[in-house]
Amino acid sequence: MLEIGLLLGGMAAIVTVLIAVVLRRNSRTENADGLLMEQYARDQAHDDRMTYRYTNVIFEVPPNRRDPHRR
């Protein structure tokens, strides 16, 4: 009986933590400083995605003489 209580208590704790995380993610910033910080973070994330995205550099290299696959 104790094991079932511990199991249900652990599951309730996990559910509580998950609900807190979801509610925190959906919260909105109300003051100007927070909005500026969010805007800067959003711009930085966009710049990082554009800088480090996948490019076709591998396929733009001309084949050498020993390359059996001619492009």
PDB file of N, CA and C in Angstrom:
ATOM      1  N   MET A   1       0.822  -1.196   0.000  1.00  0.00           N
ATOM      2  CA  MET A   1       0.000   0.000   0.000  1.00  0.00           C
ATOM      3  C   MET A   1       0.866   1.259   0.000  1.00  0.00           C
ATOM      4  N   LEU A   2       1.970   1.188   0.745  1.00  0.00           N
ATOM      5  CA  LEU A   2       2.888   2.323   0.802  1.00  0.00           C
ATOM      6  C   LEU A   2       3.495   2.610  -0.565  1.00  0.00           C
ATOM      7  N   GLU A   3       3.796   1.521  -1.301  1.00  0.00           N
ATOM      8  CA  GLU A   3       4.404   1.683  -2.625  1.00  0.00           C
ATOM      9  C   GLU A   3       3.449   2.393  -3.585  1.00  0.00           C
ATOM     10  N   ILE A   4       2.177   2.060  -3.502  1.00  0.00           N
ATOM     11  CA  ILE A   4       1.196   2.705  -4.375  1.00  0.00           C
ATOM     12  C   ILE A   4       1.078   4.188  -4.032  1.00  0.00           C
ATOM     13  N   GLY A   5       1.092   4.495  -2.737  1.00  0.00           N
ATOM     14  CA  GLY A   5       1.048   5.901  -2.320  1.00  0.00           C
ATOM     15  C   GLY A   5       2.256   6.671  -2.794  1.00  0.00           C
ATOM     16  N   LEU A   6       3.444   6.057  -2.704  1.00  0.00           N
ATOM     17  CA  LEU A   6       4.656   6.720  -3.188  1.00  0.00           C
ATOM     18  C   LEU A   6       4.620   6.910  -4.705  1.00  0.00           C
ATOM     19  N   LEU A   7       4.124   5.915  -5.409  1.00  0.00           N
ATOM     20  CA  LEU A   7       4.018   6.015  -6.866  1.00  0.00           C
ATOM     21  C   LEU A   7       3.068   7.134  -7.270  1.00  0.00           C
ATOM     22  N   LEU A   8       1.899   7.168  -6.643  1.00  0.00           N
ATOM     23  CA  LEU A   8       0.937   8.219  -6.975  1.00  0.00           C
ATOM     24  C   LEU A   8       1.453   9.595  -6.553  1.00  0.00           C
ATOM     25  N   GLY A   9       2.137   9.674  -5.419  1.00  0.00           N
ATOM     26  CA  GLY A   9       2.717  10.949  -4.990  1.00  0.00           C
ATOM     27  C   GLY A   9       3.784  11.433  -5.951  1.00  0.00           C
ATOM     28  N   GLY A  10       4.618  10.514  -6.434  1.00  0.00           N
ATOM     29  CA  GLY A  10       5.649  10.879  -7.413  1.00  0.00           C
ATOM     30  C   GLY A  10       5.040  11.351  -8.722  1.00  0.00           C
ATOM     31  N   MET A  11       3.993  10.658  -9.156  1.00  0.00           N
ATOM     32  CA  MET A  11       3.332  11.072 -10.394  1.00  0.00           C
ATOM     33  C   MET A  11       2.669  12.436 -10.228  1.00  0.00           C
ATOM     34  N   ALA A  12       2.083  12.692  -9.077  1.00  0.00           N
ATOM     35  CA  ALA A  12       1.470  13.997  -8.828  1.00  0.00           C
ATOM     36  C   ALA A  12       2.516  15.101  -8.818  1.00  0.00           C
ATOM     37  N   ALA A  13       3.696  14.811  -8.266  1.00  0.00           N
ATOM     38  CA  ALA A  13       4.773  15.802  -8.253  1.00  0.00           C
ATOM     39  C   ALA A  13       5.244  16.103  -9.671  1.00  0.00           C
ATOM     40  N   ILE A  14       5.372  15.081 -10.492  1.00  0.00           N
ATOM     41  CA  ILE A  14       5.800  15.285 -11.884  1.00  0.00           C
ATOM     42  C   ILE A  14       4.764  16.108 -12.641  1.00  0.00           C
ATOM     43  N   VAL A  15       3.489  15.802 -12.459  1.00  0.00           N
ATOM     44  CA  VAL A  15       2.430  16.551 -13.137  1.00  0.00           C
ATOM     45  C   VAL A  15       2.446  18.012 -12.692  1.00  0.00           C
ATOM     46  N   THR A  16       2.667  18.244 -11.407  1.00  0.00           N
ATOM     47  CA  THR A  16       2.714  19.619 -10.891  1.00  0.00           C
ATOM     48  C   THR A  16       3.867  20.392 -11.514  1.00  0.00           C
ATOM     49  N   VAL A  17       5.021  19.764 -11.616  1.00  0.00           N
ATOM     50  CA  VAL A  17       6.182  20.435 -12.217  1.00  0.00           C
ATOM     51  C   VAL A  17       5.916  20.729 -13.693  1.00  0.00           C
ATOM     52  N   LEU A  18       5.346  19.781 -14.411  1.00  0.00           N
ATOM     53  CA  LEU A  18       5.060  19.996 -15.831  1.00  0.00           C
ATOM     54  C   LEU A  18       4.048  21.118 -16.038  1.00  0.00           C
ATOM     55  N   ILE A  19       3.036  21.185 -15.198  1.00  0.00           N
ATOM     56  CA  ILE A  19       2.060  22.272 -15.309  1.00  0.00           C
ATOM     57  C   ILE A  19       2.724  23.615 -15.049  1.00  0.00           C
ATOM     58  N   ALA A  20       3.613  23.672 -14.053  1.00  0.00           N
ATOM     59  CA  ALA A  20       4.307  24.921 -13.756  1.00  0.00           C
ATOM     60  C   ALA A  20       5.181  25.360 -14.924  1.00  0.00           C
ATOM     61  N   VAL A  21       5.845  24.412 -15.577  1.00  0.00           N
ATOM     62  CA  VAL A  21       6.702  24.746 -16.724  1.00  0.00           C
ATOM     63  C   VAL A  21       5.863  25.284 -17.876  1.00  0.00           C
ATOM     64  N   VAL A  22       4.744  24.646 -18.160  1.00  0.00           N
ATOM     65  CA  VAL A  22       3.890  25.090 -19.263  1.00  0.00           C
ATOM     66  C   VAL A  22       3.319  26.477 -18.967  1.00  0.00           C
ATOM     67  N   LEU A  23       2.878  26.702 -17.752  1.00  0.00           N
ATOM     68  CA  LEU A  23       2.326  28.018 -17.416  1.00  0.00           C
ATOM     69  C   LEU A  23       3.390  29.099 -17.467  1.00  0.00           C
ATOM     70  N   ARG A  24       4.604  28.772 -17.103  1.00  0.00           N
ATOM     71  CA  ARG A  24       5.684  29.765 -17.154  1.00  0.00           C
ATOM     72  C   ARG A  24       6.046  30.136 -18.582  1.00  0.00           C
ATOM     73  N   ARG A  25       6.000  29.169 -19.472  1.00  0.00           N
ATOM     74  CA  ARG A  25       6.329  29.444 -20.874  1.00  0.00           C
ATOM     75  C   ARG A  25       5.298  30.346 -21.523  1.00  0.00           C
ATOM     76  N   ASN A  26       4.070  30.233 -21.102  1.00  0.00           N
ATOM     77  CA  ASN A  26       3.001  31.019 -21.721  1.00  0.00           C
ATOM     78  C   ASN A  26       2.824  32.387 -21.086  1.00  0.00           C
ATOM     79  N   SER A  27       3.624  32.722 -20.090  1.00  0.00           N
ATOM     80  CA  SER A  27       3.461  34.025 -19.445  1.00  0.00           C
ATOM     81  C   SER A  27       3.980  35.126 -20.364  1.00  0.00           C
ATOM     82  N   ARG A  28       3.383  36.279 -20.271  1.00  0.00           N
ATOM     83  CA  ARG A  28       3.775  37.404 -21.114  1.00  0.00           C
ATOM     84  C   ARG A  28       4.515  38.434 -20.274  1.00  0.00           C
ATOM     85  N   THR A  29       5.449  39.086 -20.897  1.00  0.00           N
ATOM     86  CA  THR A  29       6.194  40.133 -20.220  1.00  0.00           C
ATOM     87  C   THR A  29       5.396  41.423 -20.304  1.00  0.00           C
ATOM     88  N   GLU A  30       5.306  42.114 -19.212  1.00  0.00           N
ATOM     89  CA  GLU A  30       4.474  43.309 -19.157  1.00  0.00           C
ATOM     90  C   GLU A  30       5.270  44.607 -19.246  1.00  0.00           C
ATOM     91  N   ASN A  31       6.514  44.617 -18.756  1.00  0.00           N
ATOM     92  CA  ASN A  31       7.238  45.889 -18.735  1.00  0.00           C
ATOM     93  C   ASN A  31       8.128  46.033 -19.973  1.00  0.00           C
ATOM     94  N   ALA A  32       8.608  47.240 -20.207  1.00  0.00           N
ATOM     95  CA  ALA A  32       9.371  47.544 -21.419  1.00  0.00           C
ATOM     96  C   ALA A  32      10.728  46.844 -21.429  1.00  0.00           C
ATOM     97  N   ASP A  33      11.365  46.729 -20.274  1.00  0.00           N
ATOM     98  CA  ASP A  33      12.673  46.061 -20.233  1.00  0.00           C
ATOM     99  C   ASP A  33      12.557  44.605 -20.649  1.00  0.00           C
ATOM    100  N   GLY A  34      11.537  43.934 -20.153  1.00  0.00           N
ATOM    101  CA  GLY A  34      11.335  42.535 -20.519  1.00  0.00           C
ATOM    102  C   GLY A  34      11.021  42.375 -21.991  1.00  0.00           C
ATOM    103  N   LEU A  35      10.229  43.280 -22.533  1.00  0.00           N
ATOM    104  CA  LEU A  35       9.912  43.225 -23.959  1.00  0.00           C
ATOM    105  C   LEU A  35      11.157  43.443 -24.810  1.00  0.00           C
ATOM    106  N   LEU A  36      12.010  44.356 -24.398  1.00  0.00           N
ATOM    107  CA  LEU A  36      13.256  44.597 -25.142  1.00  0.00           C
ATOM    108  C   LEU A  36      14.168  43.376 -25.076  1.00  0.00           C
ATOM    109  N   MET A  37      14.223  42.740 -23.909  1.00  0.00           N
ATOM    110  CA  MET A  37      15.045  41.537 -23.771  1.00  0.00           C
ATOM    111  C   MET A  37      14.512  40.406 -24.647  1.00  0.00           C
ATOM    112  N   GLU A  38      13.198  40.252 -24.694  1.00  0.00           N
ATOM    113  CA  GLU A  38      12.606  39.227 -25.549  1.00  0.00           C
ATOM    114  C   GLU A  38      12.869  39.516 -27.024  1.00  0.00           C
ATOM    115  N   GLN A  39      12.757  40.777 -27.413  1.00  0.00           N
ATOM    116  CA  GLN A  39      13.018  41.148 -28.804  1.00  0.00           C
ATOM    117  C   GLN A  39      14.469  40.871 -29.178  1.00  0.00           C
ATOM    118  N   TYR A  40      15.393  41.208 -28.286  1.00  0.00           N
ATOM    119  CA  TYR A  40      16.812  40.957 -28.551  1.00  0.00           C
ATOM    120  C   TYR A  40      17.076  39.462 -28.673  1.00  0.00           C
ATOM    121  N   ALA A  41      16.484  38.665 -27.782  1.00  0.00           N
ATOM    122  CA  ALA A  41      16.686  37.216 -27.833  1.00  0.00           C
ATOM    123  C   ALA A  41      16.105  36.637 -29.113  1.00  0.00           C
ATOM    124  N   ARG A  42      14.941  37.126 -29.540  1.00  0.00           N
ATOM    125  CA  ARG A  42      14.318  36.652 -30.775  1.00  0.00           C
ATOM    126  C   ARG A  42      15.174  37.008 -31.985  1.00  0.00           C
ATOM    127  N   ASP A  43      15.699  38.233 -32.011  1.00  0.00           N
ATOM    128  CA  ASP A  43      16.570  38.647 -33.115  1.00  0.00           C
ATOM    129  C   ASP A  43      17.864  37.840 -33.136  1.00  0.00           C
ATOM    130  N   GLN A  44      18.429  37.587 -31.963  1.00  0.00           N
ATOM    131  CA  GLN A  44      19.663  36.810 -31.876  1.00  0.00           C
ATOM    132  C   GLN A  44      19.430  35.381 -32.356  1.00  0.00           C
ATOM    133  N   ALA A  45      18.319  34.778 -31.981  1.00  0.00           N
ATOM    134  CA  ALA A  45      18.003  33.421 -32.421  1.00  0.00           C
ATOM    135  C   ALA A  45      17.828  33.376 -33.940  1.00  0.00           C
ATOM    136  N   HIS A  46      17.189  34.384 -34.501  1.00  0.00           N
ATOM    137  CA  HIS A  46      17.017  34.446 -35.955  1.00  0.00           C
ATOM    138  C   HIS A  46      18.370  34.575 -36.643  1.00  0.00           C
ATOM    139  N   ASP A  47      19.222  35.440 -36.141  1.00  0.00           N
ATOM    140  CA  ASP A  47      20.555  35.611 -36.726  1.00  0.00           C
ATOM    141  C   ASP A  47      21.363  34.321 -36.638  1.00  0.00           C
ATOM    142  N   ASP A  48      21.269  33.630 -35.509  1.00  0.00           N
ATOM    143  CA  ASP A  48      21.999  32.371 -35.357  1.00  0.00           C
ATOM    144  C   ASP A  48      21.496  31.321 -36.330  1.00  0.00           C
ATOM    145  N   ARG A  49      20.174  31.251 -36.524  1.00  0.00           N
ATOM    146  CA  ARG A  49      19.635  30.280 -37.483  1.00  0.00           C
ATOM    147  C   ARG A  49      20.117  30.582 -38.896  1.00  0.00           C
ATOM    148  N   MET A  50      20.197  31.840 -39.253  1.00  0.00           N
ATOM    149  CA  MET A  50      20.641  32.192 -40.600  1.00  0.00           C
ATOM    150  C   MET A  50      22.150  31.990 -40.766  1.00  0.00           C
ATOM    151  N   THR A  51      22.907  32.188 -39.707  1.00  0.00           N
ATOM    152  CA  THR A  51      24.355  32.048 -39.788  1.00  0.00           C
ATOM    153  C   THR A  51      24.792  30.593 -39.847  1.00  0.00           C
ATOM    154  N   TYR A  52      24.177  29.739 -39.032  1.00  0.00           N
ATOM    155  CA  TYR A  52      24.637  28.362 -38.883  1.00  0.00           C
ATOM    156  C   TYR A  52      23.746  27.354 -39.580  1.00  0.00           C
ATOM    157  N   ARG A  53      22.949  27.776 -40.533  1.00  0.00           N
ATOM    158  CA  ARG A  53      22.077  26.827 -41.220  1.00  0.00           C
ATOM    159  C   ARG A  53      22.879  25.984 -42.202  1.00  0.00           C
ATOM    160  N   TYR A  54      22.272  24.912 -42.651  1.00  0.00           N
ATOM    161  CA  TYR A  54      22.909  23.992 -43.585  1.00  0.00           C
ATOM    162  C   TYR A  54      23.019  24.645 -44.961  1.00  0.00           C
ATOM    163  N   THR A  55      24.165  24.522 -45.549  1.00  0.00           N
ATOM    164  CA  THR A  55      24.358  25.005 -46.916  1.00  0.00           C
ATOM    165  C   THR A  55      24.875  23.862 -47.779  1.00  0.00           C
ATOM    166  N   ASN A  56      24.818  24.029 -49.053  1.00  0.00           N
ATOM    167  CA  ASN A  56      25.250  22.993 -49.986  1.00  0.00           C
ATOM    168  C   ASN A  56      26.713  23.167 -50.377  1.00  0.00           C
ATOM    169  N   VAL A  57      27.555  23.494 -49.435  1.00  0.00           N
ATOM    170  CA  VAL A  57      28.968  23.696 -49.723  1.00  0.00           C
ATOM    171  C   VAL A  57      29.602  22.401 -50.204  1.00  0.00           C
ATOM    172  N   ILE A  58      29.180  21.275 -49.658  1.00  0.00           N
ATOM    173  CA  ILE A  58      29.765  19.985 -50.018  1.00  0.00           C
ATOM    174  C   ILE A  58      29.541  19.698 -51.494  1.00  0.00           C
ATOM    175  N   PHE A  59      28.398  20.057 -52.029  1.00  0.00           N
ATOM    176  CA  PHE A  59      28.063  19.701 -53.395  1.00  0.00           C
ATOM    177  C   PHE A  59      28.570  20.722 -54.414  1.00  0.00           C
ATOM    178  N   GLU A  60      29.145  21.808 -53.971  1.00  0.00           N
ATOM    179  CA  GLU A  60      29.642  22.821 -54.894  1.00  0.00           C
ATOM    180  C   GLU A  60      31.126  22.654 -55.203  1.00  0.00           C
ATOM    181  N   VAL A  61      31.750  21.629 -54.624  1.00  0.00           N
ATOM    182  CA  VAL A  61      33.170  21.382 -54.862  1.00  0.00           C
ATOM    183  C   VAL A  61      33.306  20.619 -56.174  1.00  0.00           C
ATOM    184  N   PRO A  62      34.176  21.073 -57.094  1.00  0.00           N
ATOM    185  CA  PRO A  62      34.334  20.337 -58.349  1.00  0.00           C
ATOM    186  C   PRO A  62      35.028  18.996 -58.102  1.00  0.00           C
ATOM    187  N   PRO A  63      34.695  17.965 -58.877  1.00  0.00           N
ATOM    188  CA  PRO A  63      35.315  16.655 -58.673  1.00  0.00           C
ATOM    189  C   PRO A  63      36.782  16.674 -59.080  1.00  0.00           C
ATOM    190  N   ASN A  64      37.573  15.847 -58.422  1.00  0.00           N
ATOM    191  CA  ASN A  64      38.976  15.733 -58.822  1.00  0.00           C
ATOM    192  C   ASN A  64      39.107  14.662 -59.901  1.00  0.00           C
ATOM    193  N   ARG A  65      40.317  14.426 -60.374  1.00  0.00           N
ATOM    194  CA  ARG A  65      40.515  13.484 -61.480  1.00  0.00           C
ATOM    195  C   ARG A  65      40.224  12.041 -61.075  1.00  0.00           C
ATOM    196  N   ARG A  66      40.438  11.707 -59.823  1.00  0.00           N
ATOM    197  CA  ARG A  66      40.252  10.326 -59.382  1.00  0.00           C
ATOM    198  C   ARG A  66      38.813  10.073 -58.925  1.00  0.00           C
ATOM    199  N   ASP A  67      37.952  11.051 -58.996  1.00  0.00           N
ATOM    200  CA  ASP A  67      36.580  10.876 -58.565  1.00  0.00           C
ATOM    201  C   ASP A  67      35.817  10.084 -59.639  1.00  0.00           C
ATOM    202  N   PRO A  68      35.322   8.888 -59.300  1.00  0.00           N
ATOM    203  CA  PRO A  68      34.641   8.081 -60.336  1.00  0.00           C
ATOM    204  C   PRO A  68      33.276   8.650 -60.711  1.00  0.00           C
ATOM    205  N   HIS A  69      32.695   9.439 -59.843  1.00  0.00           N
ATOM    206  CA  HIS A  69      31.365   9.988 -60.118  1.00  0.00           C
ATOM    207  C   HIS A  69      31.536  11.377 -60.717  1.00  0.00           C
ATOM    208  N   ARG A  70      31.301  11.484 -61.989  1.00  0.00           N
ATOM    209  CA  ARG A  70      31.422  12.782 -62.677  1.00  0.00           C
ATOM    210  C   ARG A  70      30.133  13.557 -62.521  1.00  0.00           C
ATOM    211  N   ARG A  71      30.264  14.798 -62.154  1.00  0.00           N
ATOM    212  CA  ARG A  71      29.076  15.644 -61.949  1.00  0.00           C
ATOM    213  C   ARG A  71      28.837  16.534 -63.129  1.00  0.00           C
TER     214      ARG A  71
END
